[in-house]
Structures are given as C-alpha cells and as structure tokens.
Amino acid sequence: MSEEELFEQIWQRAYQIWLDEGRPRGRDRIHWLHAVAEFRETLEPERSNAKDNGTTRRKPRLKATASTSASENSTTAASAR
C-alpha cells in the first residue's frame, strides 16, 4: 500500500468517526489519531511476522528530561552524604 493510499484510507476512517460522533467541532485531531490507531492495530500481525525475520525496528529509548535529571542528581547527592 502506498503512502497516498494509506493517507486516503485514514482520512476516510477519520471522516466516518466524525460522522458517527455527530459532526462535533474541534475534534478533528482526535478523530485522525483514532483512525491511525485502528490502522496500526490491523498492521500488527504483519509486524509480528516481520519480527520473526529479524527485520523489525527497536523502540527508541526515552530521553530523561531536565527535571528528571535534576531530581536524580539531588537524590544521588543526598545518598552520598
């Protein structure tokens, strides 16, 4: 499936979700994300098959935020005393 075809299918699904919810204003982003999530669920079996072949990507690690690093540093300094 090409990117254009995928985009079109997601757009149509998001539109259907919008219609099903009674055409509310200001929820277009939420409808889009719901449609994307549905397509990801349908692609999961394909990804698990690719995992068997060793071709899946690893999830990126989360970076520590400045606030997390600061709190860890103060905890480490306190325990060193």
Protein backbone atom coordinates (compact mmCIF):
# COMPACT_ATOMS: atom_id res chain seq x y z
CA MET A 1 0.00 0.00 0.00
CA SER A 2 1.42 3.39 -0.96
CA GLU A 3 1.56 6.31 1.43
CA GLU A 4 -1.11 8.09 -0.59
CA GLU A 5 -3.45 5.11 -0.33
CA LEU A 6 -2.83 4.80 3.41
CA PHE A 7 -3.42 8.54 3.90
CA GLU A 8 -6.69 8.28 1.96
CA GLN A 9 -7.91 5.32 4.00
CA ILE A 10 -7.03 7.02 7.28
CA TRP A 11 -8.76 10.20 6.13
CA GLN A 12 -11.91 8.28 5.18
CA ARG A 13 -11.94 6.47 8.54
CA ALA A 14 -11.41 9.73 10.46
CA TYR A 15 -14.27 11.26 8.49
CA GLN A 16 -16.51 8.29 9.34
CA ILE A 17 -15.64 8.62 13.04
CA TRP A 18 -16.53 12.32 12.83
CA LEU A 19 -19.88 11.49 11.26
CA ASP A 20 -20.57 8.75 13.82
CA GLU A 21 -19.95 11.19 16.68
CA GLY A 22 -22.46 13.69 15.27
CA ARG A 23 -20.02 16.02 13.47
CA PRO A 24 -18.57 17.74 16.53
CA ARG A 25 -16.33 20.77 16.06
CA GLY A 26 -12.73 20.83 17.19
CA ARG A 27 -12.17 17.07 17.40
CA ASP A 28 -10.54 16.52 14.03
CA ARG A 29 -7.14 15.73 15.52
CA ILE A 30 -8.66 13.17 17.90
CA HIS A 31 -10.58 11.53 15.05
CA TRP A 32 -7.41 11.36 12.97
CA LEU A 33 -5.44 9.78 15.82
CA HIS A 34 -8.20 7.22 16.42
CA ALA A 35 -8.16 6.29 12.74
CA VAL A 36 -4.36 5.95 12.77
CA ALA A 37 -4.56 3.75 15.88
CA GLU A 38 -7.09 1.47 14.17
CA PHE A 39 -4.81 1.04 11.16
CA ARG A 40 -1.84 0.31 13.39
CA GLU A 41 -3.84 -2.46 15.06
CA THR A 42 -4.58 -4.00 11.68
CA LEU A 43 -0.88 -3.87 10.77
CA GLU A 44 0.33 -5.53 13.99
CA PRO A 45 0.08 -9.11 12.61
CA GLU A 46 2.28 -8.02 9.70
CA ARG A 47 4.82 -6.57 12.10
CA SER A 48 4.90 -9.73 14.22
CA ASN A 49 5.66 -11.75 11.08
CA ALA A 50 8.48 -9.35 10.25
CA LYS A 51 9.79 -9.82 13.79
CA ASP A 52 10.32 -13.49 13.05
CA ASN A 53 12.51 -12.47 10.14
CA GLY A 54 14.55 -10.09 12.31
CA THR A 55 13.51 -7.04 10.32
CA THR A 56 11.59 -5.10 12.95
CA ARG A 57 12.81 -1.84 14.36
CA ARG A 58 13.64 -1.41 18.00
CA LYS A 59 11.69 1.11 20.03
CA PRO A 60 13.71 4.25 20.79
CA ARG A 61 14.65 4.84 24.38
CA LEU A 62 13.02 7.72 26.18
CA LYS A 63 15.33 10.57 26.99
CA ALA A 64 15.44 11.85 30.54
CA THR A 65 14.01 15.31 30.94
CA ALA A 66 15.86 18.08 32.71
CA SER A 67 13.54 17.83 35.71
CA THR A 68 14.12 14.09 35.96
CA SER A 69 17.87 14.51 35.74
CA ALA A 70 17.85 17.23 38.40
CA SER A 71 15.82 15.13 40.81
CA GLU A 72 18.06 12.12 40.22
CA ASN A 73 21.14 14.24 40.84
CA SER A 74 19.77 15.60 44.12
CA THR A 75 18.85 12.06 45.23
CA THR A 76 22.31 10.78 44.36
CA ALA A 77 23.97 13.69 46.16
CA ALA A 78 21.82 13.14 49.24
CA SER A 79 22.64 9.44 49.39
CA ALA A 80 26.38 10.15 49.03
CA ARG A 81 26.39 12.28 52.20
